[in-house]
Amino acid sequence: MSNSVYWNKTIETMPRKKLQELQLKKLKAQVKHCYNNSPFYKRKLKEAKLTPDNIKTLVDLQKIPFTVKNDLRDNYPLGLLAVPPAEIVEIHASSGTTGNPIIGAYTKTDMDTWQELMARSIYTAGGRNDDVIHIAYGYGLFTGGLGFHYGAQKLGAAIIPASGGMTQRQIKLMKDLKATVLCCTPSFAVYLAETMAAEGVDPKRDLVLKLGLFGAEPWSERIRDRIQTTLGINAFDVYGLTELCGPGVSIECSEHHGLHVWEDHFIVETINSETGEVLSDGEEGELVFTPLSKTALPLLRYRTRDISVIQTDNCPCGRTHARMMRVSGRSDDMLIIRGVNVFPSQIEYVVMGFPELASQYHIIVDRPDALDTFLVKVELNEEASKNKQLDLKALAVKIQSKICSVTGLHPEIEIVKYGEIPRTEGKAKHVFDNRKGKM
């Protein structure tokens, strides 16, 4: 297959006026699809006194109420479906809280769009059909592994579907199979580099990696510099959400000055998180996306809680699609630890399930080096604190195992006696994210 299909000059360098005309045409069709096929959106639009006929310009999008994550959880599993169930060909899910996860359902059309976006993204970063692409994102319900897999497959590249874990084996496979592209979380890339150093593997000498596509967790220019220096590759930032399609919403080009949002498939806005006011280009705010091509689970004005800046000035690469700057944080309390979404309510759910524990707990996240550390400090209740026979090591293992079953992560567990975690008047503080300033 020719690579030229993934440098679609007509679309990717389309004058912004033409691009907006295309967006408006697709927006009108998408609102109509939602109104006619989604009971949730028909009700939502009627409550706002809107019909598809009211959407005449892109500005009219602002008349539509926001969709939030709880809308998806409250309609779990497929209450927002806008196609017959028989048309669903694949389902993914993101980590949930103590309740319901976020479901991503795809029709064949949705899958084709996702694969095309991922192929376009890999190509934008420099991947070609003669590359060997090593995918170390998790496979399964998480969209990362299979998203990159489908994109690389459509691109025509060779794929090493390594998934996560087995670090030494991954290094051996990259070396022996001559991988040229690495796809994983940035923290795993750092860990790979550290393991290579410990194993006496020089990536610049022993491997032929040339670039890496990293996402699924926040990362900084300092981490990029470290990855590029230690692995000898060009590192690219990738963005996506299960709710929108998975990875493939945006990606950096060779200029490394923001991630191009594929605006023929997404309208992106930034808003003031407190007021909902739409902000101008260049103003930092919460990202709001309206996918223009989703058929199974369409979304209108979805609030991501991710904080960024949108710029629409010309990019030297020639692409005219808007660029979102690196996500600087979230407007809610969700933590992203080693690429996994963790909610304080998940930890509270576990703590409350152990009769030996009091209700006090702390979640302490740090980044003393390049990797996140994750500590959960829990407190024995008054009775358990007096029990000299209580096996604290065994209890810590049980707590860690339960947290892993809920979040997929293995935190360090610190158990303290009753009363050692400070009490406060009013709202308790459970989360201590010490990574700020260390990114």
Protein backbone atom coordinates (compact mmCIF):
# COMPACT_ATOMS: atom_id res chain seq x y z
CA MET A 1 0.00 0.00 0.00
CA SER A 2 1.31 3.46 -0.84
CA ASN A 3 2.20 5.69 2.08
CA SER A 4 0.85 8.75 0.28
CA VAL A 5 -2.70 7.98 1.45
CA TYR A 6 -1.64 8.96 4.97
CA TRP A 7 -0.30 12.32 3.85
CA ASN A 8 -3.68 13.51 2.67
CA LYS A 9 -2.65 16.97 1.56
CA THR A 10 -6.20 17.92 0.61
CA ILE A 11 -7.43 17.34 4.16
CA GLU A 12 -4.37 18.05 6.30
CA THR A 13 -3.44 21.35 4.62
CA MET A 14 -6.98 22.44 3.82
CA PRO A 15 -7.46 26.20 4.30
CA ARG A 16 -9.17 26.79 7.62
CA LYS A 17 -12.23 28.32 5.99
CA LYS A 18 -12.73 25.17 3.92
CA LEU A 19 -12.00 23.00 6.96
CA GLN A 20 -14.67 24.83 8.95
CA GLU A 21 -17.15 24.40 6.11
CA LEU A 22 -16.47 20.65 6.24
CA GLN A 23 -16.87 20.67 10.02
CA LEU A 24 -20.21 22.47 9.80
CA LYS A 25 -21.53 20.00 7.25
CA LYS A 26 -20.52 17.06 9.45
CA LEU A 27 -21.76 18.77 12.63
CA LYS A 28 -25.23 19.25 11.18
CA ALA A 29 -25.34 15.58 10.21
CA GLN A 30 -24.07 14.47 13.63
CA VAL A 31 -26.62 16.54 15.57
CA LYS A 32 -29.34 15.11 13.37
CA HIS A 33 -28.03 11.58 14.02
CA CYS A 34 -28.07 12.22 17.77
CA TYR A 35 -31.55 13.74 17.71
CA ASN A 36 -33.06 10.96 15.62
CA ASN A 37 -31.29 7.94 17.14
CA SER A 38 -30.24 8.70 20.71
CA PRO A 39 -33.06 9.05 23.27
CA PHE A 40 -30.55 10.65 25.65
CA TYR A 41 -29.61 13.40 23.20
CA LYS A 42 -33.12 13.89 21.89
CA ARG A 43 -34.23 14.59 25.46
CA LYS A 44 -31.18 16.78 26.14
CA LEU A 45 -31.70 18.86 23.00
CA LYS A 46 -35.43 19.23 23.60
CA GLU A 47 -34.76 20.44 27.14
CA ALA A 48 -32.49 23.08 25.60
CA LYS A 49 -35.28 23.91 23.10
CA LEU A 50 -33.08 22.84 20.19
CA THR A 51 -33.62 20.81 17.04
CA PRO A 52 -31.09 19.98 14.32
CA ASP A 53 -32.48 22.91 12.32
CA ASN A 54 -31.12 25.31 14.94
CA ILE A 55 -27.52 24.40 14.04
CA LYS A 56 -26.76 26.76 11.17
CA THR A 57 -23.19 27.86 12.02
CA LEU A 58 -20.29 26.48 14.03
CA VAL A 59 -21.01 29.08 16.70
CA ASP A 60 -24.43 27.47 17.16
CA LEU A 61 -22.61 24.50 18.65
CA GLN A 62 -22.33 26.58 21.82
CA LYS A 63 -26.10 26.38 22.25
CA ILE A 64 -25.83 22.64 22.90
CA PRO A 65 -25.45 21.59 26.57
CA PHE A 66 -22.24 19.88 27.63
CA THR A 67 -21.94 16.12 28.01
CA VAL A 68 -19.96 14.96 31.06
CA LYS A 69 -18.41 11.71 32.22
CA ASN A 70 -21.25 10.99 34.63
CA ASP A 71 -23.66 10.96 31.68
CA LEU A 72 -21.75 7.96 30.35
CA ARG A 73 -21.57 6.25 33.74
CA ASP A 74 -25.25 6.85 34.46
CA ASN A 75 -26.17 5.29 31.11
CA TYR A 76 -23.87 2.28 31.50
CA PRO A 77 -23.41 0.09 29.62
CA LEU A 78 -24.96 1.10 26.32
CA GLY A 79 -27.71 3.57 27.20
CA LEU A 80 -26.22 6.18 24.86
CA LEU A 81 -26.14 3.82 21.91
CA ALA A 82 -27.42 5.45 18.70
CA VAL A 83 -27.36 2.37 16.46
CA PRO A 84 -28.95 -1.10 16.73
CA PRO A 85 -26.85 -3.35 19.03
CA ALA A 86 -26.26 -5.74 16.13
CA GLU A 87 -24.14 -3.08 14.44
CA ILE A 88 -21.56 -3.06 17.25
CA VAL A 89 -18.38 -4.89 16.21
CA GLU A 90 -16.02 -4.02 19.09
CA ILE A 91 -16.17 -2.75 22.66
CA HIS A 92 -13.48 -1.13 24.81
CA ALA A 93 -13.59 0.37 28.29
CA SER A 94 -11.59 2.69 30.49
CA SER A 95 -11.07 2.19 34.22
CA GLY A 96 -14.14 3.01 36.26
CA THR A 97 -14.55 4.17 39.83
CA THR A 98 -16.22 1.89 42.37
CA GLY A 99 -19.15 1.85 39.99
CA ASN A 100 -19.27 1.68 36.23
CA PRO A 101 -16.43 1.97 33.72
CA ILE A 102 -16.62 4.14 30.61
CA ILE A 103 -17.62 2.06 27.60
CA GLY A 104 -16.42 2.67 24.06
CA ALA A 105 -18.48 0.86 21.42
CA TYR A 106 -17.65 0.83 17.71
CA THR A 107 -19.50 0.10 14.50
CA LYS A 108 -17.56 -1.00 11.43
CA THR A 109 -17.62 2.64 10.29
CA ASP A 110 -16.24 3.76 13.65
CA MET A 111 -13.46 1.18 13.43
CA ASP A 112 -12.54 2.29 9.92
CA THR A 113 -12.35 5.92 11.10
CA TRP A 114 -10.25 5.01 14.15
CA GLN A 115 -7.84 2.94 12.08
CA GLU A 116 -7.47 5.74 9.57
CA LEU A 117 -6.83 8.31 12.31
CA MET A 118 -4.20 6.08 13.92
CA ALA A 119 -2.48 5.40 10.59
CA ARG A 120 -2.49 9.14 9.89
CA SER A 121 -1.08 9.83 13.36
CA ILE A 122 1.73 7.29 13.06
CA TYR A 123 2.60 8.67 9.64
CA THR A 124 2.61 12.26 10.97
CA ALA A 125 5.20 11.24 13.58
CA GLY A 126 7.37 9.64 10.90
CA GLY A 127 6.22 6.01 10.83
CA ARG A 128 6.19 4.29 7.44
CA ASN A 129 5.14 0.94 6.03
CA ASP A 130 8.71 -0.40 6.12
CA ASP A 131 8.96 0.17 9.89
CA VAL A 132 8.87 -2.45 12.63
CA ILE A 133 6.53 -1.07 15.30
CA HIS A 134 6.91 -2.37 18.86
CA ILE A 135 3.67 -1.81 20.78
CA ALA A 136 4.10 -1.95 24.57
CA TYR A 137 0.75 -0.40 25.48
CA GLY A 138 -1.65 -2.79 27.17
CA TYR A 139 -3.91 -4.81 24.92
CA GLY A 140 -7.52 -5.64 25.80
CA LEU A 141 -10.22 -3.30 27.03
CA PHE A 142 -7.72 -0.41 27.15
CA THR A 143 -7.72 1.32 23.77
CA GLY A 144 -3.96 1.94 23.67
CA GLY A 145 -2.55 -1.37 22.47
CA LEU A 146 -5.16 -2.22 19.87
CA GLY A 147 -5.47 1.39 18.72
CA PHE A 148 -1.83 1.53 17.74
CA HIS A 149 -2.03 -2.02 16.41
CA TYR A 150 -4.87 -1.19 14.05
CA GLY A 151 -3.15 1.98 12.86
CA ALA A 152 0.16 0.24 12.23
CA GLN A 153 -1.65 -2.56 10.44
CA LYS A 154 -3.44 -0.11 8.15
CA LEU A 155 -0.17 1.67 7.53
CA GLY A 156 1.27 -1.65 6.38
CA ALA A 157 4.09 -1.79 8.94
CA ALA A 158 5.36 -4.90 10.73
CA ILE A 159 3.99 -5.14 14.29
CA ILE A 160 5.43 -6.56 17.50
CA PRO A 161 2.34 -6.76 19.79
CA ALA A 162 4.34 -6.96 23.02
CA SER A 163 1.74 -5.41 25.35
CA GLY A 164 2.94 -4.50 28.87
CA GLY A 165 5.35 -6.16 31.29
CA MET A 166 8.25 -8.59 30.74
CA THR A 167 10.74 -5.74 30.34
CA GLN A 168 13.83 -7.85 29.63
CA ARG A 169 11.96 -9.85 27.01
CA GLN A 170 10.70 -6.67 25.37
CA ILE A 171 14.26 -5.36 25.09
CA LYS A 172 15.38 -8.65 23.54
CA LEU A 173 12.54 -8.55 21.02
CA MET A 174 13.26 -4.94 20.08
CA LYS A 175 16.90 -5.82 19.58
CA ASP A 176 16.47 -9.12 17.72
CA LEU A 177 13.52 -8.05 15.57
CA LYS A 178 15.06 -4.65 14.81
CA ALA A 179 12.17 -2.51 16.01
CA THR A 180 12.29 1.04 14.65
CA VAL A 181 9.25 2.55 16.40
CA LEU A 182 8.34 2.23 20.09
CA CYS A 183 4.76 2.85 21.30
CA CYS A 184 4.17 2.90 25.06
CA THR A 185 3.64 5.19 28.03
CA PRO A 186 6.49 7.66 28.60
CA SER A 187 7.16 6.23 32.07
CA PHE A 188 7.61 2.75 30.60
CA ALA A 189 9.99 4.18 28.02
CA VAL A 190 12.07 5.60 30.88
CA TYR A 191 11.97 2.25 32.66
CA LEU A 192 13.02 0.45 29.48
CA ALA A 193 16.01 2.79 29.19
CA GLU A 194 16.98 2.21 32.82
CA THR A 195 16.70 -1.56 32.41
CA MET A 196 18.77 -1.46 29.24
CA ALA A 197 21.50 0.39 31.13
CA ALA A 198 21.42 -2.20 33.92
CA GLU A 199 21.56 -5.04 31.38
CA GLY A 200 24.46 -3.51 29.46
CA VAL A 201 22.35 -2.79 26.37
CA ASP A 202 23.23 0.43 24.55
CA PRO A 203 20.09 1.43 22.59
CA LYS A 204 22.11 3.67 20.27
CA ARG A 205 24.48 0.81 19.46
CA ASP A 206 22.41 -2.35 19.87
CA LEU A 207 18.97 -1.18 18.71
CA VAL A 208 17.70 0.60 15.61
CA LEU A 209 14.86 2.55 17.23
CA LYS A 210 14.28 5.91 15.54
CA LEU A 211 11.10 7.28 17.12
CA GLY A 212 8.61 6.76 19.91
CA LEU A 213 4.91 7.54 20.26
CA PHE A 214 4.04 8.14 23.89
CA GLY A 215 0.76 8.92 25.63
CA ALA A 216 -1.86 7.73 28.15
CA GLU A 217 -0.32 9.79 30.98
CA PRO A 218 0.96 13.31 31.53
CA TRP A 219 4.61 13.86 30.71
CA SER A 220 6.93 16.79 30.39
CA GLU A 221 9.67 18.22 28.23
CA ARG A 222 12.17 17.04 30.85
CA ILE A 223 10.96 13.46 30.44
CA ARG A 224 11.00 13.86 26.65
CA ASP A 225 14.60 15.04 26.83
CA ARG A 226 15.53 12.08 28.99
CA ILE A 227 13.83 9.58 26.68
CA GLN A 228 15.40 11.09 23.59
CA THR A 229 18.85 11.22 25.18
CA THR A 230 18.86 7.72 26.64
CA LEU A 231 17.11 5.90 23.79
CA GLY A 232 18.45 8.03 20.95
CA ILE A 233 15.01 8.53 19.41
CA ASN A 234 12.61 11.31 18.47
CA ALA A 235 9.73 11.28 20.99
CA PHE A 236 6.17 12.31 20.05
CA ASP A 237 3.19 13.11 22.28
CA VAL A 238 -0.12 11.39 21.48
CA TYR A 239 -3.58 12.24 22.85
CA GLY A 240 -6.87 10.40 22.99
CA LEU A 241 -9.70 9.26 25.24
CA THR A 242 -11.81 6.11 25.23
CA GLU A 243 -14.86 8.36 25.07
CA LEU A 244 -13.70 9.97 21.81
CA CYS A 245 -12.30 6.88 20.04
CA GLY A 246 -9.08 6.06 21.89
CA PRO A 247 -5.67 7.35 20.81
CA GLY A 248 -5.65 9.17 17.49
CA VAL A 249 -7.45 12.38 18.44
CA SER A 250 -4.25 14.41 18.09
CA ILE A 251 -0.51 13.99 17.73
CA GLU A 252 2.61 16.10 17.42
CA CYS A 253 4.24 16.69 14.06
CA SER A 254 8.00 17.05 13.62
CA GLU A 255 7.82 20.64 14.91
CA HIS A 256 6.96 19.44 18.44
CA HIS A 257 4.90 22.55 19.12
CA GLY A 258 1.50 21.21 20.05
CA LEU A 259 -0.53 18.23 18.91
CA HIS A 260 -2.53 18.53 15.69
CA VAL A 261 -6.20 17.78 16.39
CA TRP A 262 -7.71 16.00 13.39
CA GLU A 263 -10.39 18.59 12.85
CA ASP A 264 -12.08 16.80 9.98
CA HIS A 265 -13.25 14.36 12.69
CA PHE A 266 -13.33 16.52 15.85
CA ILE A 267 -14.37 20.02 16.84
CA VAL A 268 -12.34 21.20 19.83
CA GLU A 269 -13.21 24.06 22.17
CA THR A 270 -11.64 25.39 25.35
CA ILE A 271 -13.88 26.60 28.14
CA ASN A 272 -13.61 28.15 31.56
CA SER A 273 -14.08 25.13 33.83
CA GLU A 274 -16.00 27.14 36.39
CA THR A 275 -18.36 29.10 34.17
CA GLY A 276 -18.53 27.05 30.96
CA GLU A 277 -17.65 30.18 28.95
CA VAL A 278 -15.99 29.43 25.60
CA LEU A 279 -12.47 30.85 25.47
CA SER A 280 -10.51 32.33 22.59
CA ASP A 281 -7.52 30.71 20.90
CA GLY A 282 -4.46 30.98 23.08
CA GLU A 283 -6.37 31.00 26.38
CA GLU A 284 -5.83 28.11 28.74
CA GLY A 285 -8.96 26.18 29.59
CA GLU A 286 -10.71 22.82 29.70
CA LEU A 287 -10.82 20.90 26.44
CA VAL A 288 -14.27 20.10 25.04
CA PHE A 289 -14.57 17.77 22.06
CA THR A 290 -17.40 17.05 19.65
CA PRO A 291 -16.58 13.98 17.53
CA LEU A 292 -17.98 14.42 14.03
CA SER A 293 -17.78 10.83 12.79
CA LYS A 294 -18.87 8.58 15.68
CA THR A 295 -21.94 6.53 14.91
CA ALA A 296 -22.31 4.03 17.78
CA LEU A 297 -21.82 6.33 20.77
CA PRO A 298 -21.89 9.91 19.47
CA LEU A 299 -21.02 12.73 21.84
CA LEU A 300 -21.85 16.41 21.71
CA ARG A 301 -19.58 18.87 23.53
CA TYR A 302 -17.86 16.34 25.77
CA ARG A 303 -16.01 17.88 28.71
CA THR A 304 -12.68 16.11 29.10
CA ARG A 305 -11.48 17.93 32.28
CA ASP A 306 -8.09 18.16 30.58
CA ILE A 307 -6.52 21.62 30.69
CA SER A 308 -4.72 22.91 27.60
CA VAL A 309 -4.40 25.76 25.10
CA ILE A 310 -5.60 25.66 21.49
CA GLN A 311 -3.72 27.49 18.72
CA THR A 312 -4.82 27.81 15.11
CA ASP A 313 -1.93 29.77 13.62
CA ASN A 314 0.02 28.23 10.76
CA CYS A 315 2.33 25.33 11.59
CA PRO A 316 5.63 25.14 9.66
CA CYS A 317 4.84 21.51 8.82
CA GLY A 318 2.09 22.74 6.50
CA ARG A 319 -0.83 21.22 8.38
CA THR A 320 -3.66 23.63 9.10
CA HIS A 321 -5.43 21.62 11.78
CA ALA A 322 -5.50 23.28 15.20
CA ARG A 323 -2.85 22.35 17.73
CA MET A 324 -3.48 21.62 21.39
CA MET A 325 -0.57 22.32 23.69
CA ARG A 326 0.61 19.68 26.14
CA VAL A 327 -2.12 18.94 28.73
CA SER A 328 -1.07 20.74 31.91
CA GLY A 329 -3.47 19.04 34.31
CA ARG A 330 -7.08 18.13 35.02
CA SER A 331 -9.89 20.12 36.49
CA ASP A 332 -11.22 17.25 38.58
CA ASP A 333 -9.65 14.96 41.14
CA MET A 334 -8.70 12.06 38.91
CA LEU A 335 -5.07 11.00 39.14
CA ILE A 336 -3.17 9.50 36.24
CA ILE A 337 -0.51 7.22 37.69
CA ARG A 338 1.78 5.37 35.29
CA GLY A 339 -0.82 5.81 32.57
CA VAL A 340 -3.73 4.47 34.66
CA ASN A 341 -6.70 6.56 35.77
CA VAL A 342 -7.11 6.38 39.54
CA PHE A 343 -9.92 7.99 41.50
CA PRO A 344 -9.73 8.63 45.26
CA SER A 345 -13.14 6.98 45.53
CA GLN A 346 -11.58 3.71 44.33
CA ILE A 347 -9.10 3.78 47.20
CA GLU A 348 -11.81 4.75 49.67
CA TYR A 349 -13.87 1.81 48.43
CA VAL A 350 -11.02 -0.57 49.22
CA VAL A 351 -10.23 0.99 52.61
CA MET A 352 -13.83 0.80 53.69
CA GLY A 353 -13.89 -2.90 52.85
CA PHE A 354 -11.37 -3.82 55.56
CA PRO A 355 -12.85 -4.02 59.06
CA GLU A 356 -9.41 -3.52 60.59
CA LEU A 357 -9.05 -0.04 59.06
CA ALA A 358 -10.36 3.34 60.12
CA SER A 359 -11.82 5.73 57.56
CA GLN A 360 -8.69 7.86 57.35
CA TYR A 361 -6.34 7.39 54.41
CA HIS A 362 -3.84 9.30 52.32
CA ILE A 363 -2.95 8.82 48.67
CA ILE A 364 0.58 10.09 48.07
CA VAL A 365 1.89 10.31 44.52
CA ASP A 366 5.35 11.55 43.70
CA ARG A 367 7.91 11.54 40.95
CA PRO A 368 11.32 11.65 42.66
CA ASP A 369 12.94 10.52 39.43
CA ALA A 370 11.25 9.83 36.11
CA LEU A 371 8.73 7.26 37.34
CA ASP A 372 5.64 7.81 39.45
CA THR A 373 5.60 6.43 42.98
CA PHE A 374 2.25 5.50 44.49
CA LEU A 375 1.82 5.19 48.26
CA VAL A 376 -1.41 4.55 50.11
CA LYS A 377 -1.23 5.28 53.82
CA VAL A 378 -4.01 3.69 55.85
CA GLU A 379 -4.85 3.73 59.52
CA LEU A 380 -5.85 0.88 61.80
CA ASN A 381 -9.02 1.39 63.76
CA GLU A 382 -8.78 1.71 67.51
CA GLU A 383 -9.47 -1.96 68.24
CA ALA A 384 -7.05 -3.28 65.63
CA SER A 385 -4.33 -0.94 66.91
CA LYS A 386 -4.45 -2.78 70.23
CA ASN A 387 -4.29 -6.24 68.64
CA LYS A 388 -0.72 -7.43 69.15
CA GLN A 389 -1.37 -10.57 67.08
CA LEU A 390 -2.38 -8.70 63.94
CA ASP A 391 -0.08 -9.55 61.03
CA LEU A 392 0.48 -6.13 59.43
CA LYS A 393 2.55 -7.51 56.55
CA ALA A 394 -0.21 -9.90 55.56
CA LEU A 395 -2.79 -7.15 55.88
CA ALA A 396 -0.71 -4.84 53.66
CA VAL A 397 -0.50 -7.56 51.01
CA LYS A 398 -4.28 -7.99 51.08
CA ILE A 399 -4.86 -4.24 50.77
CA GLN A 400 -2.39 -3.98 47.91
CA SER A 401 -4.01 -6.91 46.11
CA LYS A 402 -7.47 -5.38 46.46
CA ILE A 403 -6.30 -1.99 45.18
CA CYS A 404 -4.64 -3.77 42.25
CA SER A 405 -7.90 -5.55 41.41
CA VAL A 406 -9.66 -2.18 41.30
CA THR A 407 -7.02 0.00 39.64
CA GLY A 408 -4.52 -2.37 38.03
CA LEU A 409 -1.68 -0.81 40.04
CA HIS A 410 0.41 -2.13 42.94
CA PRO A 411 0.88 0.76 45.38
CA GLU A 412 3.18 0.71 48.35
CA ILE A 413 1.09 0.29 51.50
CA GLU A 414 1.92 1.98 54.78
CA ILE A 415 -0.18 1.02 57.80
CA VAL A 416 -0.14 3.32 60.82
CA LYS A 417 -1.83 3.17 64.20
CA TYR A 418 -5.12 4.77 65.04
CA GLY A 419 -4.91 8.55 65.30
CA GLU A 420 -1.64 8.99 63.37
CA ILE A 421 -3.28 10.44 60.28
CA PRO A 422 -4.22 14.05 61.11
CA ARG A 423 -7.89 14.95 61.35
CA THR A 424 -9.22 18.20 59.96
CA GLU A 425 -12.28 20.26 60.56
CA GLY A 426 -14.36 20.42 57.44
CA LYS A 427 -13.31 18.75 54.23
CA ALA A 428 -10.66 16.06 54.61
CA LYS A 429 -7.65 16.05 52.33
CA HIS A 430 -6.88 12.58 51.04
CA VAL A 431 -4.75 13.20 47.94
CA PHE A 432 -1.19 14.52 47.99
CA ASP A 433 0.13 14.78 44.45
CA ASN A 434 3.72 15.90 44.86
CA ARG A 435 4.59 15.63 41.15
CA LYS A 436 3.78 19.27 40.46
CA GLY A 437 6.98 21.15 39.68
CA LYS A 438 8.76 17.89 38.88
CA MET A 439 7.28 17.31 35.44
